[in-house]
Amino acid sequence: METQITDLFGLQIYTDKGMFVGEVEDVVIDVDSKKMEGLVVGKVNDQLFELKNYKGLKIPYRIISAIDDIVLIRHLPGAFSGSGSGEE
């Protein structure tokens, strides 16, 4: 199935453990290889990340599990901090 890149903007991003990460703000593409490298996250869940001098968050393509009405990424233990992580 093919999707237009513009259809990805604004989609909510969740981990496969059900944690809200943020929304797709932009898409990073390697023009030479014609492949998507990752997604740039906006409206980042500040309960999961302690970002000082926030410059942006990029989700690498390799951890994206599915894209449809939402973007689903693999949960990476230790990647998320804060009280909203569900990790103990």
C-alpha atoms as a PDB file:
ATOM      1  CA  MET A   1       0.000   0.000   0.000  1.00  0.00           C
ATOM      2  CA  GLU A   2       1.310   3.422  -0.896  1.00  0.00           C
ATOM      3  CA  THR A   3       0.838   6.529   1.232  1.00  0.00           C
ATOM      4  CA  GLN A   4       1.524  10.147   0.437  1.00  0.00           C
ATOM      5  CA  ILE A   5       4.134  11.659   2.731  1.00  0.00           C
ATOM      6  CA  THR A   6       1.820  14.562   3.509  1.00  0.00           C
ATOM      7  CA  ASP A   7      -0.712  12.056   4.932  1.00  0.00           C
ATOM      8  CA  LEU A   8       1.774  11.297   7.726  1.00  0.00           C
ATOM      9  CA  PHE A   9       1.888  14.855   9.105  1.00  0.00           C
ATOM     10  CA  GLY A  10      -0.069  15.167  12.329  1.00  0.00           C
ATOM     11  CA  LEU A  11      -0.429  11.423  12.943  1.00  0.00           C
ATOM     12  CA  GLN A  12      -0.066  10.477  16.591  1.00  0.00           C
ATOM     13  CA  ILE A  13       2.878   8.259  17.514  1.00  0.00           C
ATOM     14  CA  TYR A  14       2.509   5.510  20.139  1.00  0.00           C
ATOM     15  CA  THR A  15       4.796   2.773  21.405  1.00  0.00           C
ATOM     16  CA  ASP A  16       3.603  -0.818  21.165  1.00  0.00           C
ATOM     17  CA  LYS A  17       3.057  -0.577  24.954  1.00  0.00           C
ATOM     18  CA  GLY A  18       0.420   2.122  24.362  1.00  0.00           C
ATOM     19  CA  MET A  19       2.446   5.176  25.401  1.00  0.00           C
ATOM     20  CA  PHE A  20       1.817   8.417  23.526  1.00  0.00           C
ATOM     21  CA  VAL A  21       5.132   9.792  22.196  1.00  0.00           C
ATOM     22  CA  GLY A  22       4.059  12.794  20.092  1.00  0.00           C
ATOM     23  CA  GLU A  23       2.881  13.712  16.601  1.00  0.00           C
ATOM     24  CA  VAL A  24       4.570  13.484  13.214  1.00  0.00           C
ATOM     25  CA  GLU A  25       5.917  16.929  12.408  1.00  0.00           C
ATOM     26  CA  ASP A  26       8.137  16.053   9.454  1.00  0.00           C
ATOM     27  CA  VAL A  27       9.564  13.142   7.492  1.00  0.00           C
ATOM     28  CA  VAL A  28      13.292  12.618   6.885  1.00  0.00           C
ATOM     29  CA  ILE A  29      14.072  11.122   3.472  1.00  0.00           C
ATOM     30  CA  ASP A  30      17.348   9.964   1.964  1.00  0.00           C
ATOM     31  CA  VAL A  31      16.904  11.347  -1.531  1.00  0.00           C
ATOM     32  CA  ASP A  32      19.759   9.332  -3.035  1.00  0.00           C
ATOM     33  CA  SER A  33      18.409   5.961  -1.901  1.00  0.00           C
ATOM     34  CA  LYS A  34      14.748   7.082  -2.143  1.00  0.00           C
ATOM     35  CA  LYS A  35      14.018   5.737   1.337  1.00  0.00           C
ATOM     36  CA  MET A  36      12.458   7.170   4.462  1.00  0.00           C
ATOM     37  CA  GLU A  37      15.049   7.562   7.239  1.00  0.00           C
ATOM     38  CA  GLY A  38      12.713   8.534  10.036  1.00  0.00           C
ATOM     39  CA  LEU A  39      10.059  10.786  11.479  1.00  0.00           C
ATOM     40  CA  VAL A  40      10.513  14.094  13.262  1.00  0.00           C
ATOM     41  CA  VAL A  41       8.309  14.317  16.350  1.00  0.00           C
ATOM     42  CA  GLY A  42       6.427  17.424  17.415  1.00  0.00           C
ATOM     43  CA  LYS A  43       4.124  17.942  20.406  1.00  0.00           C
ATOM     44  CA  VAL A  44       6.369  15.564  22.342  1.00  0.00           C
ATOM     45  CA  ASN A  45       4.879  13.956  25.466  1.00  0.00           C
ATOM     46  CA  ASP A  46       6.810  15.837  28.141  1.00  0.00           C
ATOM     47  CA  GLN A  47       6.028  13.105  30.700  1.00  0.00           C
ATOM     48  CA  LEU A  48       8.228  10.693  28.740  1.00  0.00           C
ATOM     49  CA  PHE A  49      11.139  12.946  27.920  1.00  0.00           C
ATOM     50  CA  GLU A  50      13.145  15.451  29.875  1.00  0.00           C
ATOM     51  CA  LEU A  51      14.237  17.694  27.040  1.00  0.00           C
ATOM     52  CA  LYS A  52      16.417  20.692  27.819  1.00  0.00           C
ATOM     53  CA  ASN A  53      17.049  23.107  24.971  1.00  0.00           C
ATOM     54  CA  TYR A  54      14.757  20.954  22.815  1.00  0.00           C
ATOM     55  CA  LYS A  55      16.111  20.708  19.286  1.00  0.00           C
ATOM     56  CA  GLY A  56      13.792  17.963  18.100  1.00  0.00           C
ATOM     57  CA  LEU A  57      13.247  14.255  18.339  1.00  0.00           C
ATOM     58  CA  LYS A  58      13.751  11.879  15.432  1.00  0.00           C
ATOM     59  CA  ILE A  59      12.318   8.360  15.341  1.00  0.00           C
ATOM     60  CA  PRO A  60      14.450   6.105  13.121  1.00  0.00           C
ATOM     61  CA  TYR A  61      12.558   4.152  10.475  1.00  0.00           C
ATOM     62  CA  ARG A  62      13.901   0.834  11.794  1.00  0.00           C
ATOM     63  CA  ILE A  63      11.804   1.060  14.987  1.00  0.00           C
ATOM     64  CA  ILE A  64       8.531   1.911  13.218  1.00  0.00           C
ATOM     65  CA  SER A  65       6.232  -1.131  13.387  1.00  0.00           C
ATOM     66  CA  ALA A  66       3.180   0.169  11.521  1.00  0.00           C
ATOM     67  CA  ILE A  67       1.684   3.294   9.988  1.00  0.00           C
ATOM     68  CA  ASP A  68      -2.060   3.667   9.465  1.00  0.00           C
ATOM     69  CA  ASP A  69      -4.371   5.918  11.510  1.00  0.00           C
ATOM     70  CA  ILE A  70      -1.494   6.213  14.001  1.00  0.00           C
ATOM     71  CA  VAL A  71       2.224   5.446  13.909  1.00  0.00           C
ATOM     72  CA  LEU A  72       3.235   2.487  16.051  1.00  0.00           C
ATOM     73  CA  ILE A  73       6.858   2.155  17.159  1.00  0.00           C
ATOM     74  CA  ARG A  74       8.702  -0.512  19.111  1.00  0.00           C
ATOM     75  CA  HIS A  75       9.020   0.258  22.800  1.00  0.00           C
ATOM     76  CA  LEU A  76      12.694   0.542  23.675  1.00  0.00           C
ATOM     77  CA  PRO A  77      13.354  -0.110  27.372  1.00  0.00           C
ATOM     78  CA  GLY A  78      15.315   2.744  28.893  1.00  0.00           C
ATOM     79  CA  ALA A  79      14.531   5.103  26.016  1.00  0.00           C
ATOM     80  CA  PHE A  80      11.807   6.908  27.927  1.00  0.00           C
ATOM     81  CA  SER A  81      12.173   8.733  31.218  1.00  0.00           C
ATOM     82  CA  GLY A  82       9.684  10.425  33.500  1.00  0.00           C
ATOM     83  CA  SER A  83       6.588   9.296  35.327  1.00  0.00           C
ATOM     84  CA  GLY A  84       4.591   8.448  32.202  1.00  0.00           C
ATOM     85  CA  SER A  85       6.894   5.632  31.104  1.00  0.00           C
ATOM     86  CA  GLY A  86       5.198   2.811  32.973  1.00  0.00           C
ATOM     87  CA  GLU A  87       8.649   1.353  33.745  1.00  0.00           C
ATOM     88  CA  GLU A  88       9.480   0.542  37.357  1.00  0.00           C
END
